[in-house]
C-alpha cells in the first residue's frame, strides 16, 4: 500500500476519509469498514473525480495482479456502497464506468420517480 501523506484527509459531501487515522466519518459519525473496504475507499478517494481502472485498484489494495474473471473488486465496491448508502442516504459516492473502472465523487441520488405534474 502507498505511503500516507501527513494530515492526508479527503472530503466528499458529508464523507470524510482520514487514511493516517484509519478512520472514515459520515456526517461526523464513525463508519465501520473492514481493512480492505477502507483501503479500497482510500484508493478511490485519492483519485477523486477520476475513473480508476479495476486492475489498478486491485493491485493497490491486494498487492497483486488482477486475474481475468476475478470479481473481488466488484464485491467489495458493492459492500462499500451498502455501508455508504446506510450512513448517508440520498448520496452516491462510487460510480461504475462499465469497461473502465470506478469513480469516486459525491453526487445526489436522483429521485426514483418524478412527482406527477412536475
PDB file of N, CA and C in Angstrom:
ATOM      1  N   UNK A   1       0.848  -1.184   0.000  1.00  0.00           N
ATOM      2  CA  UNK A   1       0.000   0.000   0.000  1.00  0.00           C
ATOM      3  C   UNK A   1       0.883   1.233   0.000  1.00  0.00           C
ATOM      4  N   UNK A   2       0.442   2.284  -0.656  1.00  0.00           N
ATOM      5  CA  UNK A   2       1.215   3.513  -0.774  1.00  0.00           C
ATOM      6  C   UNK A   2       1.391   4.163   0.592  1.00  0.00           C
ATOM      7  N   UNK A   3       2.476   4.895   0.744  1.00  0.00           N
ATOM      8  CA  UNK A   3       2.724   5.629   1.988  1.00  0.00           C
ATOM      9  C   UNK A   3       1.670   6.719   2.137  1.00  0.00           C
ATOM     10  N   UNK A   4       1.313   6.995   3.381  1.00  0.00           N
ATOM     11  CA  UNK A   4       0.340   8.063   3.617  1.00  0.00           C
ATOM     12  C   UNK A   4       1.052   9.392   3.718  1.00  0.00           C
ATOM     13  N   UNK A   5       0.342  10.430   3.390  1.00  0.00           N
ATOM     14  CA  UNK A   5       0.852  11.794   3.442  1.00  0.00           C
ATOM     15  C   UNK A   5       0.433  12.386   4.784  1.00  0.00           C
ATOM     16  N   UNK A   6       1.313  13.130   5.479  1.00  0.00           N
ATOM     17  CA  UNK A   6       0.908  13.727   6.750  1.00  0.00           C
ATOM     18  C   UNK A   6      -0.369  14.559   6.593  1.00  0.00           C
ATOM     19  N   UNK A   7      -1.275  14.408   7.546  1.00  0.00           N
ATOM     20  CA  UNK A   7      -2.534  15.159   7.560  1.00  0.00           C
ATOM     21  C   UNK A   7      -3.376  14.955   6.297  1.00  0.00           C
ATOM     22  N   UNK A   8      -3.228  13.809   5.672  1.00  0.00           N
ATOM     23  CA  UNK A   8      -3.986  13.470   4.467  1.00  0.00           C
ATOM     24  C   UNK A   8      -5.455  13.261   4.847  1.00  0.00           C
ATOM     25  N   UNK A   9      -6.345  14.089   4.272  1.00  0.00           N
ATOM     26  CA  UNK A   9      -7.785  13.987   4.531  1.00  0.00           C
ATOM     27  C   UNK A   9      -8.507  14.213   3.211  1.00  0.00           C
ATOM     28  N   UNK A  10      -9.499  13.372   2.936  1.00  0.00           N
ATOM     29  CA  UNK A  10     -10.311  13.519   1.729  1.00  0.00           C
ATOM     30  C   UNK A  10     -11.743  13.763   2.154  1.00  0.00           C
ATOM     31  N   UNK A  11     -12.394  14.710   1.479  1.00  0.00           N
ATOM     32  CA  UNK A  11     -13.790  15.025   1.781  1.00  0.00           C
ATOM     33  C   UNK A  11     -14.616  14.964   0.502  1.00  0.00           C
ATOM     34  N   UNK A  12     -15.809  14.406   0.664  1.00  0.00           N
ATOM     35  CA  UNK A  12     -16.774  14.355  -0.435  1.00  0.00           C
ATOM     36  C   UNK A  12     -18.142  14.481   0.217  1.00  0.00           C
ATOM     37  N   UNK A  13     -18.763  15.625   0.078  1.00  0.00           N
ATOM     38  CA  UNK A  13     -20.036  15.854   0.743  1.00  0.00           C
ATOM     39  C   UNK A  13     -19.849  15.730   2.246  1.00  0.00           C
ATOM     40  N   UNK A  14     -20.672  14.899   2.885  1.00  0.00           N
ATOM     41  CA  UNK A  14     -20.599  14.690   4.337  1.00  0.00           C
ATOM     42  C   UNK A  14     -19.676  13.530   4.724  1.00  0.00           C
ATOM     43  N   UNK A  15     -18.905  13.045   3.755  1.00  0.00           N
ATOM     44  CA  UNK A  15     -17.987  11.935   4.000  1.00  0.00           C
ATOM     45  C   UNK A  15     -16.572  12.478   4.164  1.00  0.00           C
ATOM     46  N   UNK A  16     -15.901  12.044   5.208  1.00  0.00           N
ATOM     47  CA  UNK A  16     -14.516  12.455   5.460  1.00  0.00           C
ATOM     48  C   UNK A  16     -13.677  11.205   5.661  1.00  0.00           C
ATOM     49  N   UNK A  17     -12.579  11.117   4.911  1.00  0.00           N
ATOM     50  CA  UNK A  17     -11.707   9.944   4.947  1.00  0.00           C
ATOM     51  C   UNK A  17     -10.342  10.401   5.444  1.00  0.00           C
ATOM     52  N   UNK A  18      -9.875   9.748   6.531  1.00  0.00           N
ATOM     53  CA  UNK A  18      -8.590  10.093   7.153  1.00  0.00           C
ATOM     54  C   UNK A  18      -7.679   8.862   7.149  1.00  0.00           C
ATOM     55  N   UNK A  19      -6.912   8.682   6.068  1.00  0.00           N
ATOM     56  CA  UNK A  19      -6.064   7.492   5.953  1.00  0.00           C
ATOM     57  C   UNK A  19      -5.073   7.319   7.107  1.00  0.00           C
ATOM     58  N   UNK A  20      -4.473   8.397   7.594  1.00  0.00           N
ATOM     59  CA  UNK A  20      -3.478   8.279   8.669  1.00  0.00           C
ATOM     60  C   UNK A  20      -4.086   7.770   9.962  1.00  0.00           C
ATOM     61  N   UNK A  21      -5.361   8.042  10.177  1.00  0.00           N
ATOM     62  CA  UNK A  21      -6.055   7.616  11.397  1.00  0.00           C
ATOM     63  C   UNK A  21      -6.871   6.340  11.186  1.00  0.00           C
ATOM     64  N   UNK A  22      -6.856   5.785   9.975  1.00  0.00           N
ATOM     65  CA  UNK A  22      -7.680   4.622   9.618  1.00  0.00           C
ATOM     66  C   UNK A  22      -9.134   4.891   9.998  1.00  0.00           C
ATOM     67  N   UNK A  23      -9.629   6.074   9.593  1.00  0.00           N
ATOM     68  CA  UNK A  23     -10.961   6.498  10.008  1.00  0.00           C
ATOM     69  C   UNK A  23     -11.749   7.061   8.838  1.00  0.00           C
ATOM     70  N   UNK A  24     -13.040   6.728   8.832  1.00  0.00           N
ATOM     71  CA  UNK A  24     -13.977   7.319   7.879  1.00  0.00           C
ATOM     72  C   UNK A  24     -15.145   7.855   8.696  1.00  0.00           C
ATOM     73  N   UNK A  25     -15.503   9.106   8.449  1.00  0.00           N
ATOM     74  CA  UNK A  25     -16.625   9.737   9.139  1.00  0.00           C
ATOM     75  C   UNK A  25     -17.724  10.063   8.148  1.00  0.00           C
ATOM     76  N   UNK A  26     -18.952   9.743   8.520  1.00  0.00           N
ATOM     77  CA  UNK A  26     -20.138  10.067   7.717  1.00  0.00           C
ATOM     78  C   UNK A  26     -20.989  10.995   8.570  1.00  0.00           C
ATOM     79  N   UNK A  27     -21.081  12.258   8.176  1.00  0.00           N
ATOM     80  CA  UNK A  27     -21.776  13.281   8.968  1.00  0.00           C
ATOM     81  C   UNK A  27     -21.247  13.300  10.399  1.00  0.00           C
ATOM     82  N   UNK A  28     -19.932  13.143  10.553  1.00  0.00           N
ATOM     83  CA  UNK A  28     -19.298  13.194  11.863  1.00  0.00           C
ATOM     84  C   UNK A  28     -19.324  11.896  12.647  1.00  0.00           C
ATOM     85  N   UNK A  29     -20.021  10.878  12.146  1.00  0.00           N
ATOM     86  CA  UNK A  29     -20.100   9.576  12.825  1.00  0.00           C
ATOM     87  C   UNK A  29     -19.124   8.588  12.179  1.00  0.00           C
ATOM     88  N   UNK A  30     -18.470   7.806  13.025  1.00  0.00           N
ATOM     89  CA  UNK A  30     -17.505   6.823  12.528  1.00  0.00           C
ATOM     90  C   UNK A  30     -18.220   5.743  11.722  1.00  0.00           C
ATOM     91  N   UNK A  31     -17.677   5.449  10.550  1.00  0.00           N
ATOM     92  CA  UNK A  31     -18.209   4.402   9.688  1.00  0.00           C
ATOM     93  C   UNK A  31     -17.302   3.183   9.835  1.00  0.00           C
ATOM     94  N   UNK A  32     -17.878   2.060  10.206  1.00  0.00           N
ATOM     95  CA  UNK A  32     -17.097   0.840  10.420  1.00  0.00           C
ATOM     96  C   UNK A  32     -16.879   0.113   9.090  1.00  0.00           C
ATOM     97  N   UNK A  33     -15.610  -0.022   8.708  1.00  0.00           N
ATOM     98  CA  UNK A  33     -15.234  -0.698   7.469  1.00  0.00           C
ATOM     99  C   UNK A  33     -14.184  -1.757   7.774  1.00  0.00           C
ATOM    100  N   UNK A  34     -14.126  -2.783   6.923  1.00  0.00           N
ATOM    101  CA  UNK A  34     -13.037  -3.748   7.016  1.00  0.00           C
ATOM    102  C   UNK A  34     -11.777  -3.077   6.472  1.00  0.00           C
ATOM    103  N   UNK A  35     -10.633  -3.703   6.712  1.00  0.00           N
ATOM    104  CA  UNK A  35      -9.366  -3.156   6.225  1.00  0.00           C
ATOM    105  C   UNK A  35      -9.397  -3.011   4.703  1.00  0.00           C
ATOM    106  N   UNK A  36      -9.867  -4.040   4.004  1.00  0.00           N
ATOM    107  CA  UNK A  36      -9.911  -3.988   2.530  1.00  0.00           C
ATOM    108  C   UNK A  36     -10.884  -2.912   2.040  1.00  0.00           C
ATOM    109  N   UNK A  37     -12.048  -2.812   2.675  1.00  0.00           N
ATOM    110  CA  UNK A  37     -13.016  -1.777   2.287  1.00  0.00           C
ATOM    111  C   UNK A  37     -12.393  -0.399   2.470  1.00  0.00           C
ATOM    112  N   UNK A  38     -11.712  -0.215   3.586  1.00  0.00           N
ATOM    113  CA  UNK A  38     -11.067   1.067   3.865  1.00  0.00           C
ATOM    114  C   UNK A  38      -9.999   1.377   2.810  1.00  0.00           C
ATOM    115  N   UNK A  39      -9.148   0.399   2.523  1.00  0.00           N
ATOM    116  CA  UNK A  39      -8.087   0.598   1.535  1.00  0.00           C
ATOM    117  C   UNK A  39      -8.662   0.911   0.153  1.00  0.00           C
ATOM    118  N   UNK A  40      -9.744   0.248  -0.206  1.00  0.00           N
ATOM    119  CA  UNK A  40     -10.393   0.491  -1.485  1.00  0.00           C
ATOM    120  C   UNK A  40     -10.958   1.907  -1.536  1.00  0.00           C
ATOM    121  N   UNK A  41     -11.620   2.326  -0.465  1.00  0.00           N
ATOM    122  CA  UNK A  41     -12.181   3.676  -0.407  1.00  0.00           C
ATOM    123  C   UNK A  41     -11.083   4.733  -0.487  1.00  0.00           C
ATOM    124  N   UNK A  42      -9.990   4.518   0.219  1.00  0.00           N
ATOM    125  CA  UNK A  42      -8.863   5.459   0.171  1.00  0.00           C
ATOM    126  C   UNK A  42      -8.277   5.504  -1.244  1.00  0.00           C
ATOM    127  N   UNK A  43      -8.133   4.335  -1.870  1.00  0.00           N
ATOM    128  CA  UNK A  43      -7.608   4.287  -3.233  1.00  0.00           C
ATOM    129  C   UNK A  43      -8.463   5.079  -4.205  1.00  0.00           C
ATOM    130  N   UNK A  44      -9.767   5.016  -4.037  1.00  0.00           N
ATOM    131  CA  UNK A  44     -10.679   5.796  -4.889  1.00  0.00           C
ATOM    132  C   UNK A  44     -10.633   7.275  -4.531  1.00  0.00           C
ATOM    133  N   UNK A  45     -10.618   7.579  -3.234  1.00  0.00           N
ATOM    134  CA  UNK A  45     -10.630   8.981  -2.782  1.00  0.00           C
ATOM    135  C   UNK A  45      -9.376   9.730  -3.225  1.00  0.00           C
ATOM    136  N   UNK A  46      -8.252   9.043  -3.264  1.00  0.00           N
ATOM    137  CA  UNK A  46      -7.001   9.685  -3.687  1.00  0.00           C
ATOM    138  C   UNK A  46      -7.070  10.133  -5.149  1.00  0.00           C
ATOM    139  N   UNK A  47      -7.967   9.540  -5.902  1.00  0.00           N
ATOM    140  CA  UNK A  47      -8.118   9.892  -7.320  1.00  0.00           C
ATOM    141  C   UNK A  47      -9.507  10.483  -7.557  1.00  0.00           C
ATOM    142  N   UNK A  48     -10.036  11.183  -6.561  1.00  0.00           N
ATOM    143  CA  UNK A  48     -11.401  11.715  -6.604  1.00  0.00           C
ATOM    144  C   UNK A  48     -11.701  12.396  -7.940  1.00  0.00           C
ATOM    145  N   UNK A  49     -12.835  11.995  -8.530  1.00  0.00           N
ATOM    146  CA  UNK A  49     -13.276  12.570  -9.797  1.00  0.00           C
ATOM    147  C   UNK A  49     -12.732  11.864 -11.023  1.00  0.00           C
ATOM    148  N   UNK A  50     -11.700  11.042 -10.847  1.00  0.00           N
ATOM    149  CA  UNK A  50     -11.093  10.321 -11.977  1.00  0.00           C
ATOM    150  C   UNK A  50     -11.595   8.885 -12.007  1.00  0.00           C
ATOM    151  N   UNK A  51     -11.667   8.303 -13.198  1.00  0.00           N
ATOM    152  CA  UNK A  51     -12.020   6.890 -13.323  1.00  0.00           C
ATOM    153  C   UNK A  51     -10.760   6.076 -13.036  1.00  0.00           C
ATOM    154  N   UNK A  52     -10.860   5.205 -12.024  1.00  0.00           N
ATOM    155  CA  UNK A  52      -9.719   4.366 -11.647  1.00  0.00           C
ATOM    156  C   UNK A  52      -9.986   2.959 -12.168  1.00  0.00           C
ATOM    157  N   UNK A  53      -9.079   2.441 -13.010  1.00  0.00           N
ATOM    158  CA  UNK A  53      -9.280   1.092 -13.551  1.00  0.00           C
ATOM    159  C   UNK A  53      -9.350   0.034 -12.449  1.00  0.00           C
ATOM    160  N   UNK A  54     -10.192  -0.979 -12.647  1.00  0.00           N
ATOM    161  CA  UNK A  54     -10.333  -2.075 -11.688  1.00  0.00           C
ATOM    162  C   UNK A  54      -8.975  -2.706 -11.397  1.00  0.00           C
ATOM    163  N   UNK A  55      -8.183  -2.915 -12.428  1.00  0.00           N
ATOM    164  CA  UNK A  55      -6.863  -3.540 -12.286  1.00  0.00           C
ATOM    165  C   UNK A  55      -5.986  -2.737 -11.323  1.00  0.00           C
ATOM    166  N   UNK A  56      -6.003  -1.423 -11.488  1.00  0.00           N
ATOM    167  CA  UNK A  56      -5.186  -0.535 -10.659  1.00  0.00           C
ATOM    168  C   UNK A  56      -5.644  -0.585  -9.187  1.00  0.00           C
ATOM    169  N   UNK A  57      -6.950  -0.595  -8.976  1.00  0.00           N
ATOM    170  CA  UNK A  57      -7.489  -0.679  -7.614  1.00  0.00           C
ATOM    171  C   UNK A  57      -7.092  -2.000  -6.960  1.00  0.00           C
ATOM    172  N   UNK A  58      -7.228  -3.085  -7.711  1.00  0.00           N
ATOM    173  CA  UNK A  58      -6.901  -4.403  -7.174  1.00  0.00           C
ATOM    174  C   UNK A  58      -5.427  -4.466  -6.774  1.00  0.00           C
ATOM    175  N   UNK A  59      -4.556  -3.984  -7.649  1.00  0.00           N
ATOM    176  CA  UNK A  59      -3.122  -4.027  -7.361  1.00  0.00           C
ATOM    177  C   UNK A  59      -2.779  -3.174  -6.139  1.00  0.00           C
ATOM    178  N   UNK A  60      -3.447  -2.019  -5.980  1.00  0.00           N
ATOM    179  CA  UNK A  60      -3.174  -1.138  -4.846  1.00  0.00           C
ATOM    180  C   UNK A  60      -3.651  -1.751  -3.530  1.00  0.00           C
ATOM    181  N   UNK A  61      -4.805  -2.412  -3.550  1.00  0.00           N
ATOM    182  CA  UNK A  61      -5.403  -2.936  -2.314  1.00  0.00           C
ATOM    183  C   UNK A  61      -4.916  -4.350  -1.990  1.00  0.00           C
ATOM    184  N   UNK A  62      -4.849  -5.222  -2.971  1.00  0.00           N
ATOM    185  CA  UNK A  62      -4.485  -6.611  -2.723  1.00  0.00           C
ATOM    186  C   UNK A  62      -3.010  -6.893  -2.992  1.00  0.00           C
ATOM    187  N   UNK A  63      -2.313  -5.970  -3.630  1.00  0.00           N
ATOM    188  CA  UNK A  63      -0.878  -6.122  -3.838  1.00  0.00           C
ATOM    189  C   UNK A  63      -0.474  -7.168  -4.853  1.00  0.00           C
ATOM    190  N   UNK A  64      -1.382  -7.529  -5.733  1.00  0.00           N
ATOM    191  CA  UNK A  64      -1.050  -8.474  -6.801  1.00  0.00           C
ATOM    192  C   UNK A  64      -1.874  -8.150  -8.039  1.00  0.00           C
ATOM    193  N   UNK A  65      -1.541  -8.827  -9.133  1.00  0.00           N
ATOM    194  CA  UNK A  65      -2.245  -8.550 -10.384  1.00  0.00           C
ATOM    195  C   UNK A  65      -3.643  -9.159 -10.376  1.00  0.00           C
ATOM    196  N   UNK A  66      -4.571  -8.432 -10.977  1.00  0.00           N
ATOM    197  CA  UNK A  66      -5.947  -8.894 -11.118  1.00  0.00           C
ATOM    198  C   UNK A  66      -5.997 -10.011 -12.161  1.00  0.00           C
ATOM    199  N   UNK A  67      -6.585 -11.127 -11.776  1.00  0.00           N
ATOM    200  CA  UNK A  67      -6.726 -12.252 -12.712  1.00  0.00           C
ATOM    201  C   UNK A  67      -7.990 -12.065 -13.534  1.00  0.00           C
ATOM    202  N   UNK A  68      -7.924 -12.525 -14.767  1.00  0.00           N
ATOM    203  CA  UNK A  68      -9.077 -12.442 -15.669  1.00  0.00           C
ATOM    204  C   UNK A  68     -10.279 -13.138 -15.025  1.00  0.00           C
ATOM    205  N   UNK A  69     -11.418 -12.437 -15.028  1.00  0.00           N
ATOM    206  CA  UNK A  69     -12.638 -13.003 -14.482  1.00  0.00           C
ATOM    207  C   UNK A  69     -12.812 -12.807 -12.980  1.00  0.00           C
ATOM    208  N   UNK A  70     -11.800 -12.276 -12.301  1.00  0.00           N
ATOM    209  CA  UNK A  70     -11.880 -12.061 -10.851  1.00  0.00           C
ATOM    210  C   UNK A  70     -12.826 -10.898 -10.569  1.00  0.00           C
ATOM    211  N   UNK A  71     -13.835 -11.123  -9.731  1.00  0.00           N
ATOM    212  CA  UNK A  71     -14.849 -10.101  -9.426  1.00  0.00           C
ATOM    213  C   UNK A  71     -14.700  -9.546  -8.007  1.00  0.00           C
ATOM    214  N   UNK A  72     -13.556  -9.788  -7.373  1.00  0.00           N
ATOM    215  CA  UNK A  72     -13.331  -9.338  -5.999  1.00  0.00           C
ATOM    216  C   UNK A  72     -13.597  -7.845  -5.840  1.00  0.00           C
ATOM    217  N   UNK A  73     -13.069  -7.033  -6.731  1.00  0.00           N
ATOM    218  CA  UNK A  73     -13.263  -5.573  -6.646  1.00  0.00           C
ATOM    219  C   UNK A  73     -14.752  -5.249  -6.642  1.00  0.00           C
ATOM    220  N   UNK A  74     -15.505  -5.878  -7.515  1.00  0.00           N
ATOM    221  CA  UNK A  74     -16.943  -5.591  -7.628  1.00  0.00           C
ATOM    222  C   UNK A  74     -17.682  -5.944  -6.336  1.00  0.00           C
ATOM    223  N   UNK A  75     -17.283  -7.055  -5.707  1.00  0.00           N
ATOM    224  CA  UNK A  75     -17.907  -7.473  -4.453  1.00  0.00           C
ATOM    225  C   UNK A  75     -17.633  -6.435  -3.365  1.00  0.00           C
ATOM    226  N   UNK A  76     -16.395  -5.988  -3.278  1.00  0.00           N
ATOM    227  CA  UNK A  76     -16.033  -5.009  -2.248  1.00  0.00           C
ATOM    228  C   UNK A  76     -16.649  -3.642  -2.522  1.00  0.00           C
ATOM    229  N   UNK A  77     -16.754  -3.255  -3.781  1.00  0.00           N
ATOM    230  CA  UNK A  77     -17.413  -1.985  -4.121  1.00  0.00           C
ATOM    231  C   UNK A  77     -18.877  -2.058  -3.696  1.00  0.00           C
ATOM    232  N   UNK A  78     -19.520  -3.191  -3.923  1.00  0.00           N
ATOM    233  CA  UNK A  78     -20.922  -3.337  -3.518  1.00  0.00           C
ATOM    234  C   UNK A  78     -21.062  -3.210  -1.998  1.00  0.00           C
ATOM    235  N   UNK A  79     -20.179  -3.872  -1.259  1.00  0.00           N
ATOM    236  CA  UNK A  79     -20.216  -3.789   0.206  1.00  0.00           C
ATOM    237  C   UNK A  79     -20.038  -2.337   0.673  1.00  0.00           C
ATOM    238  N   UNK A  80     -19.095  -1.657   0.060  1.00  0.00           N
ATOM    239  CA  UNK A  80     -18.862  -0.251   0.407  1.00  0.00           C
ATOM    240  C   UNK A  80     -20.090   0.604   0.103  1.00  0.00           C
ATOM    241  N   UNK A  81     -20.689   0.385  -1.054  1.00  0.00           N
ATOM    242  CA  UNK A  81     -21.887   1.148  -1.424  1.00  0.00           C
ATOM    243  C   UNK A  81     -23.013   0.949  -0.414  1.00  0.00           C
ATOM    244  N   UNK A  82     -23.211  -0.289   0.029  1.00  0.00           N
ATOM    245  CA  UNK A  82     -24.261  -0.582   1.008  1.00  0.00           C
ATOM    246  C   UNK A  82     -23.999   0.196   2.298  1.00  0.00           C
ATOM    247  N   UNK A  83     -22.771   0.183   2.778  1.00  0.00           N
ATOM    248  CA  UNK A  83     -22.431   0.886   4.019  1.00  0.00           C
ATOM    249  C   UNK A  83     -22.540   2.402   3.860  1.00  0.00           C
ATOM    250  N   UNK A  84     -22.071   2.921   2.736  1.00  0.00           N
ATOM    251  CA  UNK A  84     -22.160   4.361   2.495  1.00  0.00           C
ATOM    252  C   UNK A  84     -23.610   4.807   2.348  1.00  0.00           C
ATOM    253  N   UNK A  85     -24.418   4.007   1.670  1.00  0.00           N
ATOM    254  CA  UNK A  85     -25.829   4.338   1.480  1.00  0.00           C
ATOM    255  C   UNK A  85     -26.577   4.334   2.815  1.00  0.00           C
ATOM    256  N   UNK A  86     -26.246   3.388   3.687  1.00  0.00           N
ATOM    257  CA  UNK A  86     -26.885   3.330   5.001  1.00  0.00           C
ATOM    258  C   UNK A  86     -26.494   4.535   5.849  1.00  0.00           C
ATOM    259  N   UNK A  87     -25.238   4.966   5.729  1.00  0.00           N
ATOM    260  CA  UNK A  87     -24.739   6.080   6.536  1.00  0.00           C
ATOM    261  C   UNK A  87     -25.169   7.432   5.981  1.00  0.00           C
ATOM    262  N   UNK A  88     -25.219   7.544   4.671  1.00  0.00           N
ATOM    263  CA  UNK A  88     -25.548   8.819   4.011  1.00  0.00           C
ATOM    264  C   UNK A  88     -26.550   8.580   2.884  1.00  0.00           C
ATOM    265  N   UNK A  89     -27.805   8.254   3.246  1.00  0.00           N
ATOM    266  CA  UNK A  89     -28.800   8.004   2.200  1.00  0.00           C
ATOM    267  C   UNK A  89     -29.026   9.253   1.359  1.00  0.00           C
ATOM    268  N   UNK A  90     -29.338   9.015   0.093  1.00  0.00           N
ATOM    269  CA  UNK A  90     -29.564  10.147  -0.806  1.00  0.00           C
ATOM    270  C   UNK A  90     -28.312  10.588  -1.545  1.00  0.00           C
ATOM    271  N   UNK A  91     -27.184   9.936  -1.251  1.00  0.00           N
ATOM    272  CA  UNK A  91     -25.921  10.272  -1.915  1.00  0.00           C
ATOM    273  C   UNK A  91     -25.283   9.018  -2.480  1.00  0.00           C
ATOM    274  N   UNK A  92     -24.602   9.174  -3.601  1.00  0.00           N
ATOM    275  CA  UNK A  92     -23.797   8.098  -4.180  1.00  0.00           C
ATOM    276  C   UNK A  92     -22.359   8.603  -4.240  1.00  0.00           C
ATOM    277  N   UNK A  93     -21.442   7.729  -3.878  1.00  0.00           N
ATOM    278  CA  UNK A  93     -20.033   8.111  -3.852  1.00  0.00           C
ATOM    279  C   UNK A  93     -19.183   7.325  -4.838  1.00  0.00           C
ATOM    280  N   UNK A  94     -19.579   6.081  -5.129  1.00  0.00           N
ATOM    281  CA  UNK A  94     -18.798   5.239  -6.038  1.00  0.00           C
ATOM    282  C   UNK A  94     -19.635   4.978  -7.280  1.00  0.00           C
ATOM    283  N   UNK A  95     -19.116   5.401  -8.414  1.00  0.00           N
ATOM    284  CA  UNK A  95     -19.828   5.324  -9.689  1.00  0.00           C
ATOM    285  C   UNK A  95     -19.110   4.352 -10.615  1.00  0.00           C
ATOM    286  N   UNK A  96     -19.877   3.450 -11.211  1.00  0.00           N
ATOM    287  CA  UNK A  96     -19.330   2.460 -12.128  1.00  0.00           C
ATOM    288  C   UNK A  96     -19.229   3.030 -13.531  1.00  0.00           C
ATOM    289  N   UNK A  97     -18.098   2.806 -14.164  1.00  0.00           N
ATOM    290  CA  UNK A  97     -17.905   3.144 -15.580  1.00  0.00           C
ATOM    291  C   UNK A  97     -17.574   1.820 -16.261  1.00  0.00           C
ATOM    292  N   UNK A  98     -18.643   1.192 -16.784  1.00  0.00           N
ATOM    293  CA  UNK A  98     -18.523  -0.160 -17.344  1.00  0.00           C
ATOM    294  C   UNK A  98     -17.411  -0.245 -18.375  1.00  0.00           C
ATOM    295  N   UNK A  99     -16.580  -1.270 -18.227  1.00  0.00           N
ATOM    296  CA  UNK A  99     -15.466  -1.489 -19.140  1.00  0.00           C
ATOM    297  C   UNK A  99     -14.234  -0.678 -18.790  1.00  0.00           C
ATOM    298  N   UNK A 100     -14.339   0.209 -17.785  1.00  0.00           N
ATOM    299  CA  UNK A 100     -13.205   1.063 -17.423  1.00  0.00           C
ATOM    300  C   UNK A 100     -12.826   0.894 -15.954  1.00  0.00           C
ATOM    301  N   UNK A 101     -13.763   1.183 -15.044  1.00  0.00           N
ATOM    302  CA  UNK A 101     -13.449   1.091 -13.625  1.00  0.00           C
ATOM    303  C   UNK A 101     -14.455   1.860 -12.804  1.00  0.00           C
ATOM    304  N   UNK A 102     -13.979   2.476 -11.736  1.00  0.00           N
ATOM    305  CA  UNK A 102     -14.848   3.189 -10.798  1.00  0.00           C
ATOM    306  C   UNK A 102     -14.354   4.612 -10.584  1.00  0.00           C
ATOM    307  N   UNK A 103     -15.311   5.489 -10.268  1.00  0.00           N
ATOM    308  CA  UNK A 103     -15.005   6.898  -9.993  1.00  0.00           C
ATOM    309  C   UNK A 103     -15.606   7.268  -8.650  1.00  0.00           C
ATOM    310  N   UNK A 104     -14.839   8.011  -7.852  1.00  0.00           N
ATOM    311  CA  UNK A 104     -15.301   8.451  -6.544  1.00  0.00           C
ATOM    312  C   UNK A 104     -15.667   9.929  -6.611  1.00  0.00           C
ATOM    313  N   UNK A 105     -16.926  10.243  -6.298  1.00  0.00           N
ATOM    314  CA  UNK A 105     -17.415  11.627  -6.252  1.00  0.00           C
ATOM    315  C   UNK A 105     -18.757  11.628  -5.543  1.00  0.00           C
ATOM    316  N   UNK A 106     -18.983  12.634  -4.696  1.00  0.00           N
ATOM    317  CA  UNK A 106     -20.275  12.769  -4.002  1.00  0.00           C
ATOM    318  C   UNK A 106     -21.288  13.365  -4.963  1.00  0.00           C
ATOM    319  N   UNK A 107     -22.342  12.609  -5.239  1.00  0.00           N
ATOM    320  CA  UNK A 107     -23.399  13.082  -6.133  1.00  0.00           C
ATOM    321  C   UNK A 107     -24.746  12.693  -5.540  1.00  0.00           C
ATOM    322  N   UNK A 108     -25.716  13.621  -5.533  1.00  0.00           N
ATOM    323  CA  UNK A 108     -27.035  13.270  -5.007  1.00  0.00           C
ATOM    324  C   UNK A 108     -27.704  12.216  -5.883  1.00  0.00           C
ATOM    325  N   UNK A 109     -28.468  11.351  -5.230  1.00  0.00           N
ATOM    326  CA  UNK A 109     -29.204  10.318  -5.954  1.00  0.00           C
ATOM    327  C   UNK A 109     -30.433  10.967  -6.573  1.00  0.00           C
ATOM    328  N   UNK A 110     -30.634  10.813  -7.884  1.00  0.00           N
ATOM    329  CA  UNK A 110     -31.834  11.391  -8.499  1.00  0.00           C
ATOM    330  C   UNK A 110     -33.078  10.695  -7.978  1.00  0.00           C
ATOM    331  N   UNK A 111     -34.203  11.395  -7.890  1.00  0.00           N
ATOM    332  CA  UNK A 111     -35.442  10.759  -7.410  1.00  0.00           C
ATOM    333  C   UNK A 111     -35.789   9.557  -8.276  1.00  0.00           C
ATOM    334  N   UNK A 112     -36.283   8.503  -7.649  1.00  0.00           N
ATOM    335  CA  UNK A 112     -36.632   7.277  -8.367  1.00  0.00           C
ATOM    336  C   UNK A 112     -37.800   7.505  -9.325  1.00  0.00           C
ATOM    337  N   UNK A 113     -38.790   8.259  -8.856  1.00  0.00           N
ATOM    338  CA  UNK A 113     -39.962   8.532  -9.673  1.00  0.00           C
ATOM    339  C   UNK A 113     -40.278  10.015  -9.597  1.00  0.00           C
ATOM    340  N   UNK A 114     -40.235  10.708 -10.726  1.00  0.00           N
ATOM    341  CA  UNK A 114     -40.581  12.130 -10.674  1.00  0.00           C
ATOM    342  C   UNK A 114     -42.020  12.324 -10.199  1.00  0.00           C
ATOM    343  N   UNK A 115     -42.224  13.382  -9.474  1.00  0.00           N
ATOM    344  CA  UNK A 115     -43.594  13.647  -8.985  1.00  0.00           C
ATOM    345  C   UNK A 115     -44.491  14.027 -10.160  1.00  0.00           C
ATOM    346  N   UNK A 116     -45.768  13.631 -10.108  1.00  0.00           N
ATOM    347  CA  UNK A 116     -46.691  13.941 -11.215  1.00  0.00           C
ATOM    348  C   UNK A 116     -46.837  15.454 -11.403  1.00  0.00           C
ATOM    349  N   UNK A 117     -46.859  15.840 -12.647  1.00  0.00           N
ATOM    350  CA  UNK A 117     -47.049  17.248 -12.996  1.00  0.00           C
ATOM    351  C   UNK A 117     -45.814  18.101 -12.781  1.00  0.00           C
ATOM    352  N   UNK A 118     -44.658  17.472 -12.540  1.00  0.00           N
ATOM    353  CA  UNK A 118     -43.504  18.306 -12.272  1.00  0.00           C
ATOM    354  C   UNK A 118     -42.320  17.749 -12.875  1.00  0.00           C
TER     355      UNK A 118
END
